[in-house]
Structure formats: C-alpha cells, structure tokens
C-alpha cells in the first residue's frame, strides 16, 4: 500500500495538535517569577532610565516589588493567569 507524503504529514500534525490540547487542559500551569537586571541611572530631570539597544528608556510607573502581583509570593497563591 502506497501512502502520499502529504497524508502522513497531515496525520502527524493532527495528532500533534490533539496531544497539545490534551496536555494543555490536563497539566496545571506553574507561574514563576523571573528577574532582569538593568543598569538604571538618574537623568537630569530626576527620573530613572536605562539604555536599551543604544537608546535611553525612561522608567515610568514603577511598582514596588512587595506590591507587585508578579512576585513569587503572589504567584504561588493564584489559580488563574495573572493580569498584566
């Protein structure tokens, strides 16, 4: 019996999609905190900034770590995806 390569590829793709949906629905999500380090400095106007790809980025609306909903202590207690 001779199979068309497109049919075999489609079958593998469909099985992969069904497997991904099954795993997504049956495995609990784990939310982990991740940190990034930036070289932050004060500019002349008193605001904080850092350099990214050679351009100065001003930091506005910074939230203290202990108030953030994305710190690990808060992430451990959530049951749904955190809002950003």
N, C-alpha and C. Protein backbone atom coordinates (compact mmCIF):
# COMPACT_ATOMS: atom_id res chain seq x y z
N UNK A 1 0.85 -1.17 0.00
CA UNK A 1 0.00 0.00 0.00
C UNK A 1 0.90 1.24 0.00
N UNK A 2 0.62 2.17 -0.86
CA UNK A 2 1.45 3.35 -1.02
C UNK A 2 0.75 4.57 -0.40
N UNK A 3 1.48 5.29 0.48
CA UNK A 3 0.92 6.47 1.13
C UNK A 3 1.46 7.73 0.49
N UNK A 4 0.61 8.72 0.44
CA UNK A 4 1.01 10.03 -0.01
C UNK A 4 1.71 10.72 1.16
N UNK A 5 2.88 11.35 0.91
CA UNK A 5 3.62 12.01 1.99
C UNK A 5 2.81 13.12 2.65
N UNK A 6 1.96 13.79 1.90
CA UNK A 6 1.13 14.85 2.47
C UNK A 6 0.14 14.29 3.48
N UNK A 7 -0.40 13.11 3.21
CA UNK A 7 -1.35 12.49 4.13
C UNK A 7 -0.68 12.10 5.44
N UNK A 8 0.52 11.58 5.35
CA UNK A 8 1.27 11.21 6.55
C UNK A 8 1.61 12.45 7.36
N UNK A 9 2.03 13.53 6.71
CA UNK A 9 2.36 14.77 7.40
C UNK A 9 1.12 15.35 8.06
N UNK A 10 -0.02 15.31 7.39
CA UNK A 10 -1.27 15.81 7.96
C UNK A 10 -1.67 14.98 9.18
N UNK A 11 -1.54 13.68 9.11
CA UNK A 11 -1.86 12.82 10.24
C UNK A 11 -0.97 13.13 11.44
N UNK A 12 0.31 13.31 11.21
CA UNK A 12 1.24 13.65 12.30
C UNK A 12 0.87 15.01 12.89
N UNK A 13 0.54 15.99 12.05
CA UNK A 13 0.16 17.32 12.51
C UNK A 13 -1.10 17.26 13.37
N UNK A 14 -2.13 16.54 12.92
CA UNK A 14 -3.39 16.44 13.66
C UNK A 14 -3.17 15.75 15.00
N UNK A 15 -2.39 14.68 15.02
CA UNK A 15 -2.08 14.00 16.29
C UNK A 15 -1.33 14.94 17.22
N UNK A 16 -0.41 15.72 16.68
CA UNK A 16 0.33 16.69 17.49
C UNK A 16 -0.58 17.75 18.09
N UNK A 17 -1.53 18.26 17.32
CA UNK A 17 -2.47 19.27 17.81
C UNK A 17 -3.34 18.69 18.92
N UNK A 18 -3.88 17.51 18.72
CA UNK A 18 -4.70 16.87 19.75
C UNK A 18 -3.90 16.61 21.03
N UNK A 19 -2.66 16.19 20.88
CA UNK A 19 -1.80 15.96 22.04
C UNK A 19 -1.54 17.26 22.78
N UNK A 20 -1.27 18.34 22.06
CA UNK A 20 -1.01 19.63 22.69
C UNK A 20 -2.23 20.14 23.45
N UNK A 21 -3.42 19.99 22.87
CA UNK A 21 -4.65 20.42 23.55
C UNK A 21 -4.88 19.57 24.79
N UNK A 22 -4.68 18.27 24.69
CA UNK A 22 -4.85 17.39 25.84
C UNK A 22 -3.91 17.76 26.98
N UNK A 23 -2.64 17.97 26.68
CA UNK A 23 -1.65 18.32 27.70
C UNK A 23 -1.98 19.68 28.30
N UNK A 24 -2.36 20.63 27.47
CA UNK A 24 -2.69 21.98 27.96
C UNK A 24 -3.86 21.94 28.93
N UNK A 25 -4.83 21.08 28.68
CA UNK A 25 -6.01 21.01 29.56
C UNK A 25 -5.80 20.14 30.78
N UNK A 26 -4.84 19.23 30.76
CA UNK A 26 -4.71 18.30 31.88
C UNK A 26 -3.55 18.61 32.83
N UNK A 27 -2.65 19.51 32.44
CA UNK A 27 -1.50 19.83 33.29
C UNK A 27 -1.71 21.20 33.91
N UNK A 28 -1.51 21.30 35.23
CA UNK A 28 -1.64 22.57 35.92
C UNK A 28 -0.54 23.53 35.49
N UNK A 29 -0.91 24.80 35.34
CA UNK A 29 0.05 25.83 34.97
C UNK A 29 0.91 26.19 36.18
N UNK A 30 2.18 26.46 35.95
CA UNK A 30 3.09 26.89 37.00
C UNK A 30 3.61 28.26 36.63
N UNK A 31 3.38 29.24 37.50
CA UNK A 31 3.83 30.60 37.26
C UNK A 31 5.06 30.86 38.10
N UNK A 32 6.15 31.25 37.45
CA UNK A 32 7.40 31.51 38.13
C UNK A 32 7.86 32.93 37.90
N UNK A 33 8.42 33.51 38.93
CA UNK A 33 8.98 34.85 38.83
C UNK A 33 10.31 34.80 38.09
N UNK A 34 10.55 35.80 37.26
CA UNK A 34 11.82 35.89 36.55
C UNK A 34 12.31 37.32 36.68
N UNK A 35 13.59 37.47 36.90
CA UNK A 35 14.13 38.82 37.08
C UNK A 35 15.10 39.18 35.97
N UNK A 36 15.17 40.46 35.70
CA UNK A 36 16.11 41.02 34.74
C UNK A 36 16.87 42.14 35.44
N UNK A 37 18.14 42.26 35.16
CA UNK A 37 18.95 43.31 35.76
C UNK A 37 19.22 44.38 34.72
N UNK A 38 18.97 45.62 35.09
CA UNK A 38 19.21 46.76 34.22
C UNK A 38 20.15 47.73 34.92
N UNK A 39 20.98 48.39 34.16
CA UNK A 39 21.87 49.41 34.70
C UNK A 39 21.08 50.72 34.72
N UNK A 40 20.39 50.97 35.83
CA UNK A 40 19.50 52.12 35.97
C UNK A 40 20.27 53.30 36.52
N UNK A 41 19.97 54.49 35.99
CA UNK A 41 20.63 55.72 36.45
C UNK A 41 19.61 56.85 36.45
N UNK A 42 19.95 57.94 37.14
CA UNK A 42 19.09 59.12 37.20
C UNK A 42 19.47 60.09 36.08
N UNK A 43 18.48 60.62 35.37
CA UNK A 43 18.75 61.63 34.36
C UNK A 43 18.58 63.02 34.99
N UNK A 44 18.88 64.06 34.23
CA UNK A 44 18.87 65.43 34.76
C UNK A 44 17.53 65.84 35.36
N UNK A 45 16.43 65.33 34.82
CA UNK A 45 15.11 65.70 35.34
C UNK A 45 14.73 64.93 36.60
N UNK A 46 15.59 64.00 37.06
CA UNK A 46 15.34 63.24 38.28
C UNK A 46 14.65 61.91 38.05
N UNK A 47 14.29 61.60 36.80
CA UNK A 47 13.64 60.33 36.51
C UNK A 47 14.69 59.23 36.33
N UNK A 48 14.26 58.00 36.52
CA UNK A 48 15.15 56.86 36.33
C UNK A 48 15.09 56.43 34.87
N UNK A 49 16.23 55.95 34.36
CA UNK A 49 16.30 55.50 32.97
C UNK A 49 17.35 54.40 32.84
N UNK A 50 17.33 53.72 31.69
CA UNK A 50 18.35 52.73 31.35
C UNK A 50 18.54 52.74 29.84
N UNK A 51 19.61 52.16 29.37
CA UNK A 51 19.92 52.10 27.94
C UNK A 51 19.51 50.73 27.39
N UNK A 52 18.82 50.74 26.25
CA UNK A 52 18.44 49.51 25.57
C UNK A 52 18.69 49.71 24.08
N UNK A 53 19.57 48.90 23.52
CA UNK A 53 19.97 48.99 22.11
C UNK A 53 20.42 50.39 21.75
N UNK A 54 21.16 51.01 22.67
CA UNK A 54 21.73 52.32 22.42
C UNK A 54 20.79 53.48 22.65
N UNK A 55 19.53 53.20 22.99
CA UNK A 55 18.56 54.27 23.22
C UNK A 55 18.21 54.34 24.70
N UNK A 56 18.00 55.56 25.18
CA UNK A 56 17.64 55.77 26.58
C UNK A 56 16.15 55.53 26.77
N UNK A 57 15.81 54.68 27.74
CA UNK A 57 14.42 54.36 28.04
C UNK A 57 14.11 54.90 29.43
N UNK A 58 13.11 55.76 29.53
CA UNK A 58 12.73 56.33 30.82
C UNK A 58 11.75 55.38 31.51
N UNK A 59 11.99 55.14 32.79
CA UNK A 59 11.13 54.24 33.57
C UNK A 59 10.01 55.06 34.17
N UNK A 60 8.77 54.73 33.79
CA UNK A 60 7.62 55.44 34.34
C UNK A 60 6.66 54.42 34.95
N UNK A 61 6.04 54.78 36.02
CA UNK A 61 5.04 53.91 36.64
C UNK A 61 5.63 52.67 37.28
N UNK A 62 6.81 52.78 37.88
CA UNK A 62 7.41 51.62 38.54
C UNK A 62 6.59 51.22 39.77
N UNK A 63 6.42 49.94 39.96
CA UNK A 63 5.66 49.40 41.09
C UNK A 63 6.65 48.75 42.05
N UNK A 64 6.59 49.08 43.34
CA UNK A 64 7.49 48.44 44.30
C UNK A 64 7.32 46.92 44.29
N UNK A 65 8.40 46.19 44.49
CA UNK A 65 8.38 44.73 44.41
C UNK A 65 7.34 44.12 45.33
N UNK A 66 7.25 44.57 46.56
CA UNK A 66 6.34 43.95 47.53
C UNK A 66 4.87 44.18 47.17
N UNK A 67 4.57 45.17 46.30
CA UNK A 67 3.20 45.43 45.87
C UNK A 67 2.86 44.75 44.54
N UNK A 68 3.84 44.25 43.85
CA UNK A 68 3.63 43.68 42.52
C UNK A 68 2.87 42.35 42.60
N UNK A 69 1.92 42.18 41.67
CA UNK A 69 1.20 40.90 41.62
C UNK A 69 2.02 39.83 40.92
N UNK A 70 3.18 40.21 40.38
CA UNK A 70 4.02 39.25 39.68
C UNK A 70 5.18 38.75 40.52
N UNK A 71 5.22 39.06 41.83
CA UNK A 71 6.28 38.49 42.65
C UNK A 71 5.88 37.07 43.06
N UNK A 72 6.85 36.25 43.39
CA UNK A 72 6.61 34.82 43.58
C UNK A 72 5.62 34.53 44.71
N UNK A 73 5.61 35.34 45.74
CA UNK A 73 4.68 35.12 46.85
C UNK A 73 3.24 35.22 46.37
N UNK A 74 2.96 36.18 45.51
CA UNK A 74 1.61 36.30 44.96
C UNK A 74 1.33 35.21 43.92
N UNK A 75 2.33 34.87 43.11
CA UNK A 75 2.13 33.86 42.06
C UNK A 75 1.83 32.49 42.65
N UNK A 76 2.35 32.19 43.83
CA UNK A 76 2.10 30.89 44.45
C UNK A 76 0.63 30.71 44.83
N UNK A 77 -0.10 31.81 45.07
CA UNK A 77 -1.47 31.71 45.53
C UNK A 77 -2.53 31.88 44.46
N UNK A 78 -2.15 32.07 43.20
CA UNK A 78 -3.17 32.31 42.18
C UNK A 78 -3.62 31.01 41.52
N UNK A 79 -4.86 31.04 41.02
CA UNK A 79 -5.39 29.86 40.32
C UNK A 79 -5.62 30.13 38.84
N UNK A 80 -5.62 31.40 38.44
CA UNK A 80 -5.80 31.77 37.04
C UNK A 80 -4.58 32.56 36.58
N UNK A 81 -4.49 32.83 35.31
CA UNK A 81 -3.37 33.58 34.77
C UNK A 81 -3.36 34.99 35.36
N UNK A 82 -2.18 35.50 35.74
CA UNK A 82 -2.13 36.85 36.30
C UNK A 82 -2.42 37.90 35.24
N UNK A 83 -3.05 38.99 35.67
CA UNK A 83 -3.32 40.08 34.73
C UNK A 83 -2.08 40.97 34.67
N UNK A 84 -1.78 41.44 33.51
CA UNK A 84 -0.61 42.29 33.33
C UNK A 84 -1.04 43.73 33.14
